[in-house]
Amino acid sequence: MHSLGIYHRDLKPLNVMISASINLLLGDFGATKDEKSLQDSNSEQTGMYSKYFADAAARAGNFSPASDVYAFALCAFFILHGRPLFNE
């Protein structure tokens, strides 16, 4: 996705699935945006906040591939440990 300039922007444990053959699958692409539409738009989707967002993305709407990678790492921690890394 990132190589095509597309950002998921809503990675959380509910959106990460594991197949029977142990492949990771992503779901819920409703908040997905491409790089061009993020640059053209000053207004981000309201109501988007998750404890899995990177801080910069949550505060200023600065989404990037690094934002998705950060969110996925927090999801992986939750999946492996059964609790979020950070408490609300």
N, C-alpha and C. Protein backbone atom coordinates (compact mmCIF):
# COMPACT_ATOMS: atom_id res chain seq x y z
N MET A 1 0.82 -1.19 0.00
CA MET A 1 0.00 0.00 0.00
C MET A 1 0.87 1.25 0.00
N HIS A 2 1.85 1.27 0.89
CA HIS A 2 2.68 2.47 1.00
C HIS A 2 3.45 2.74 -0.28
N SER A 3 3.88 1.70 -0.97
CA SER A 3 4.62 1.91 -2.22
C SER A 3 3.73 2.56 -3.29
N LEU A 4 2.41 2.46 -3.11
CA LEU A 4 1.46 3.10 -4.02
C LEU A 4 0.99 4.47 -3.50
N GLY A 5 1.55 4.90 -2.36
CA GLY A 5 1.17 6.20 -1.79
C GLY A 5 -0.15 6.17 -1.05
N ILE A 6 -0.55 5.01 -0.54
CA ILE A 6 -1.82 4.86 0.17
C ILE A 6 -1.54 4.58 1.64
N TYR A 7 -2.26 5.30 2.50
CA TYR A 7 -2.10 5.14 3.95
C TYR A 7 -3.39 4.60 4.55
N HIS A 8 -3.27 3.62 5.43
CA HIS A 8 -4.45 3.00 6.04
C HIS A 8 -5.10 3.97 7.03
N ARG A 9 -4.34 4.56 7.93
CA ARG A 9 -4.74 5.57 8.91
C ARG A 9 -5.65 5.08 10.01
N ASP A 10 -6.00 3.81 10.05
CA ASP A 10 -6.89 3.32 11.12
C ASP A 10 -6.47 1.93 11.58
N LEU A 11 -5.17 1.72 11.72
CA LEU A 11 -4.71 0.42 12.20
C LEU A 11 -4.97 0.31 13.70
N LYS A 12 -5.61 -0.77 14.06
CA LYS A 12 -5.86 -1.10 15.46
C LYS A 12 -6.08 -2.61 15.49
N PRO A 13 -5.99 -3.24 16.66
CA PRO A 13 -6.09 -4.70 16.72
C PRO A 13 -7.34 -5.27 16.04
N LEU A 14 -8.46 -4.56 16.09
CA LEU A 14 -9.67 -5.06 15.43
C LEU A 14 -9.54 -5.13 13.92
N ASN A 15 -8.59 -4.37 13.37
CA ASN A 15 -8.41 -4.33 11.92
C ASN A 15 -7.27 -5.22 11.43
N VAL A 16 -6.63 -5.94 12.35
CA VAL A 16 -5.54 -6.85 11.99
C VAL A 16 -6.04 -8.28 12.22
N MET A 17 -6.02 -9.07 11.17
CA MET A 17 -6.49 -10.46 11.26
C MET A 17 -5.35 -11.40 10.90
N ILE A 18 -5.40 -12.60 11.45
CA ILE A 18 -4.40 -13.62 11.16
C ILE A 18 -5.12 -14.79 10.50
N SER A 19 -4.66 -15.17 9.30
CA SER A 19 -5.32 -16.26 8.56
C SER A 19 -4.86 -17.61 9.12
N ALA A 20 -5.51 -18.66 8.67
CA ALA A 20 -5.17 -20.02 9.11
C ALA A 20 -3.73 -20.37 8.74
N SER A 21 -3.23 -19.78 7.66
CA SER A 21 -1.85 -20.05 7.25
C SER A 21 -0.86 -19.03 7.84
N ILE A 22 -1.28 -18.35 8.90
CA ILE A 22 -0.47 -17.38 9.65
C ILE A 22 -0.03 -16.18 8.79
N ASN A 23 -0.88 -15.73 7.91
CA ASN A 23 -0.65 -14.49 7.17
C ASN A 23 -1.42 -13.38 7.85
N LEU A 24 -0.81 -12.21 7.92
CA LEU A 24 -1.50 -11.05 8.48
C LEU A 24 -2.32 -10.37 7.39
N LEU A 25 -3.55 -10.06 7.73
CA LEU A 25 -4.46 -9.39 6.80
C LEU A 25 -4.98 -8.12 7.45
N LEU A 26 -5.14 -7.07 6.66
CA LEU A 26 -5.68 -5.82 7.17
C LEU A 26 -7.11 -5.66 6.71
N GLY A 27 -7.93 -5.09 7.57
CA GLY A 27 -9.31 -4.83 7.23
C GLY A 27 -9.67 -3.38 7.50
N ASP A 28 -10.90 -3.01 7.22
CA ASP A 28 -11.46 -1.68 7.44
C ASP A 28 -10.64 -0.59 6.78
N PHE A 29 -10.85 -0.44 5.50
CA PHE A 29 -10.13 0.56 4.73
C PHE A 29 -10.95 1.85 4.57
N GLY A 30 -11.89 2.09 5.46
CA GLY A 30 -12.76 3.25 5.37
C GLY A 30 -12.05 4.58 5.57
N ALA A 31 -10.95 4.61 6.30
CA ALA A 31 -10.23 5.86 6.55
C ALA A 31 -9.01 6.01 5.64
N THR A 32 -8.84 5.08 4.72
CA THR A 32 -7.68 5.09 3.83
C THR A 32 -7.69 6.33 2.94
N LYS A 33 -6.52 6.92 2.78
CA LYS A 33 -6.36 8.07 1.88
C LYS A 33 -5.08 7.88 1.10
N ASP A 34 -5.06 8.46 -0.09
CA ASP A 34 -3.81 8.44 -0.84
C ASP A 34 -3.04 9.72 -0.56
N GLU A 35 -1.78 9.69 -0.93
CA GLU A 35 -0.87 10.80 -0.64
C GLU A 35 -1.37 12.12 -1.22
N LYS A 36 -1.88 12.09 -2.43
CA LYS A 36 -2.34 13.32 -3.09
C LYS A 36 -3.54 13.92 -2.37
N SER A 37 -4.50 13.09 -1.98
CA SER A 37 -5.69 13.64 -1.32
C SER A 37 -5.36 14.20 0.05
N LEU A 38 -4.35 13.64 0.73
CA LEU A 38 -3.93 14.21 2.00
C LEU A 38 -3.28 15.57 1.81
N GLN A 39 -2.51 15.74 0.75
CA GLN A 39 -1.86 17.01 0.48
C GLN A 39 -2.86 18.07 0.04
N ASP A 40 -3.88 17.67 -0.70
CA ASP A 40 -4.87 18.61 -1.23
C ASP A 40 -5.89 19.05 -0.19
N SER A 41 -6.04 18.30 0.88
CA SER A 41 -7.09 18.57 1.85
C SER A 41 -6.50 19.13 3.14
N ASN A 42 -7.07 20.22 3.60
CA ASN A 42 -6.65 20.78 4.89
C ASN A 42 -7.46 20.20 6.04
N SER A 43 -8.61 19.64 5.74
CA SER A 43 -9.47 19.12 6.80
C SER A 43 -9.39 17.61 6.83
N GLU A 44 -9.02 17.09 7.95
CA GLU A 44 -8.96 15.65 8.15
C GLU A 44 -10.32 15.14 8.60
N GLN A 45 -10.50 13.85 8.49
CA GLN A 45 -11.75 13.23 8.96
C GLN A 45 -11.85 13.46 10.46
N THR A 46 -12.95 14.03 10.91
CA THR A 46 -13.10 14.32 12.32
C THR A 46 -13.48 13.06 13.08
N GLY A 47 -13.19 13.06 14.37
CA GLY A 47 -13.53 11.92 15.21
C GLY A 47 -12.53 10.79 15.13
N MET A 48 -11.46 10.95 14.35
CA MET A 48 -10.46 9.90 14.24
C MET A 48 -9.44 10.06 15.34
N TYR A 49 -9.51 9.22 16.31
CA TYR A 49 -8.47 9.17 17.32
C TYR A 49 -8.40 7.75 17.83
N SER A 50 -7.21 7.29 18.04
CA SER A 50 -7.00 5.93 18.53
C SER A 50 -5.73 5.93 19.35
N LYS A 51 -5.66 5.09 20.35
CA LYS A 51 -4.42 4.97 21.11
C LYS A 51 -3.33 4.33 20.28
N TYR A 52 -3.65 3.93 19.06
CA TYR A 52 -2.67 3.34 18.15
C TYR A 52 -2.13 4.34 17.15
N PHE A 53 -2.60 5.57 17.18
CA PHE A 53 -2.08 6.62 16.30
C PHE A 53 -0.70 7.06 16.77
N ALA A 54 0.14 7.40 15.82
CA ALA A 54 1.38 8.09 16.17
C ALA A 54 0.99 9.48 16.65
N ASP A 55 1.72 10.01 17.58
CA ASP A 55 1.40 11.32 18.17
C ASP A 55 1.23 12.42 17.12
N ALA A 56 2.16 12.50 16.18
CA ALA A 56 2.09 13.56 15.16
C ALA A 56 0.84 13.40 14.31
N ALA A 57 0.49 12.18 14.00
CA ALA A 57 -0.71 11.94 13.19
C ALA A 57 -1.97 12.31 13.97
N ALA A 58 -2.02 11.99 15.23
CA ALA A 58 -3.20 12.27 16.04
C ALA A 58 -3.39 13.77 16.25
N ARG A 59 -2.31 14.49 16.44
CA ARG A 59 -2.42 15.91 16.75
C ARG A 59 -2.60 16.79 15.52
N ALA A 60 -1.86 16.52 14.47
CA ALA A 60 -1.85 17.45 13.35
C ALA A 60 -2.33 16.84 12.04
N GLY A 61 -2.71 15.59 12.05
CA GLY A 61 -3.14 14.96 10.82
C GLY A 61 -1.99 14.71 9.85
N ASN A 62 -0.77 14.60 10.37
CA ASN A 62 0.42 14.36 9.54
C ASN A 62 0.61 12.86 9.33
N PHE A 63 -0.19 12.28 8.47
CA PHE A 63 -0.10 10.85 8.24
C PHE A 63 0.99 10.55 7.22
N SER A 64 1.69 9.45 7.44
CA SER A 64 2.76 9.01 6.55
C SER A 64 2.87 7.50 6.69
N PRO A 65 3.70 6.87 5.88
CA PRO A 65 3.92 5.44 6.08
C PRO A 65 4.41 5.13 7.50
N ALA A 66 5.22 6.02 8.06
CA ALA A 66 5.73 5.81 9.41
C ALA A 66 4.59 5.78 10.43
N SER A 67 3.52 6.54 10.20
CA SER A 67 2.37 6.53 11.10
C SER A 67 1.71 5.16 11.13
N ASP A 68 1.55 4.55 9.95
CA ASP A 68 0.97 3.21 9.88
C ASP A 68 1.89 2.17 10.52
N VAL A 69 3.19 2.29 10.29
CA VAL A 69 4.14 1.33 10.87
C VAL A 69 4.12 1.43 12.39
N TYR A 70 4.08 2.64 12.92
CA TYR A 70 4.00 2.85 14.37
C TYR A 70 2.73 2.22 14.93
N ALA A 71 1.60 2.48 14.27
CA ALA A 71 0.33 1.93 14.73
C ALA A 71 0.36 0.40 14.67
N PHE A 72 0.96 -0.15 13.62
CA PHE A 72 1.03 -1.61 13.52
C PHE A 72 1.89 -2.20 14.63
N ALA A 73 2.98 -1.53 14.99
CA ALA A 73 3.83 -2.01 16.09
C ALA A 73 3.04 -2.03 17.40
N LEU A 74 2.23 -1.01 17.64
CA LEU A 74 1.40 -0.99 18.85
C LEU A 74 0.35 -2.10 18.80
N CYS A 75 -0.19 -2.38 17.62
CA CYS A 75 -1.14 -3.49 17.46
C CYS A 75 -0.46 -4.82 17.75
N ALA A 76 0.75 -5.00 17.23
CA ALA A 76 1.49 -6.25 17.45
C ALA A 76 1.75 -6.45 18.94
N PHE A 77 2.10 -5.37 19.64
CA PHE A 77 2.31 -5.47 21.09
C PHE A 77 1.03 -5.95 21.77
N PHE A 78 -0.09 -5.35 21.40
CA PHE A 78 -1.38 -5.72 21.99
C PHE A 78 -1.71 -7.19 21.69
N ILE A 79 -1.50 -7.61 20.46
CA ILE A 79 -1.81 -8.98 20.06
C ILE A 79 -0.93 -9.97 20.83
N LEU A 80 0.33 -9.64 21.02
CA LEU A 80 1.25 -10.55 21.71
C LEU A 80 1.10 -10.54 23.23
N HIS A 81 0.76 -9.39 23.81
CA HIS A 81 0.72 -9.25 25.27
C HIS A 81 -0.67 -9.17 25.86
N GLY A 82 -1.68 -8.95 25.02
CA GLY A 82 -3.05 -8.90 25.51
C GLY A 82 -3.41 -7.61 26.22
N ARG A 83 -2.58 -6.59 26.06
CA ARG A 83 -2.85 -5.28 26.66
C ARG A 83 -2.18 -4.21 25.82
N PRO A 84 -2.71 -2.99 25.84
CA PRO A 84 -2.06 -1.92 25.08
C PRO A 84 -0.75 -1.50 25.74
N LEU A 85 0.16 -1.01 24.96
CA LEU A 85 1.45 -0.53 25.49
C LEU A 85 1.23 0.69 26.37
N PHE A 86 0.33 1.58 25.93
CA PHE A 86 0.04 2.81 26.67
C PHE A 86 -1.39 2.78 27.18
N ASN A 87 -1.61 3.24 28.39
CA ASN A 87 -2.96 3.37 28.92
C ASN A 87 -3.51 4.73 28.55
N GLU A 88 -4.83 4.80 28.42
CA GLU A 88 -5.45 6.09 28.10
C GLU A 88 -5.48 6.98 29.30
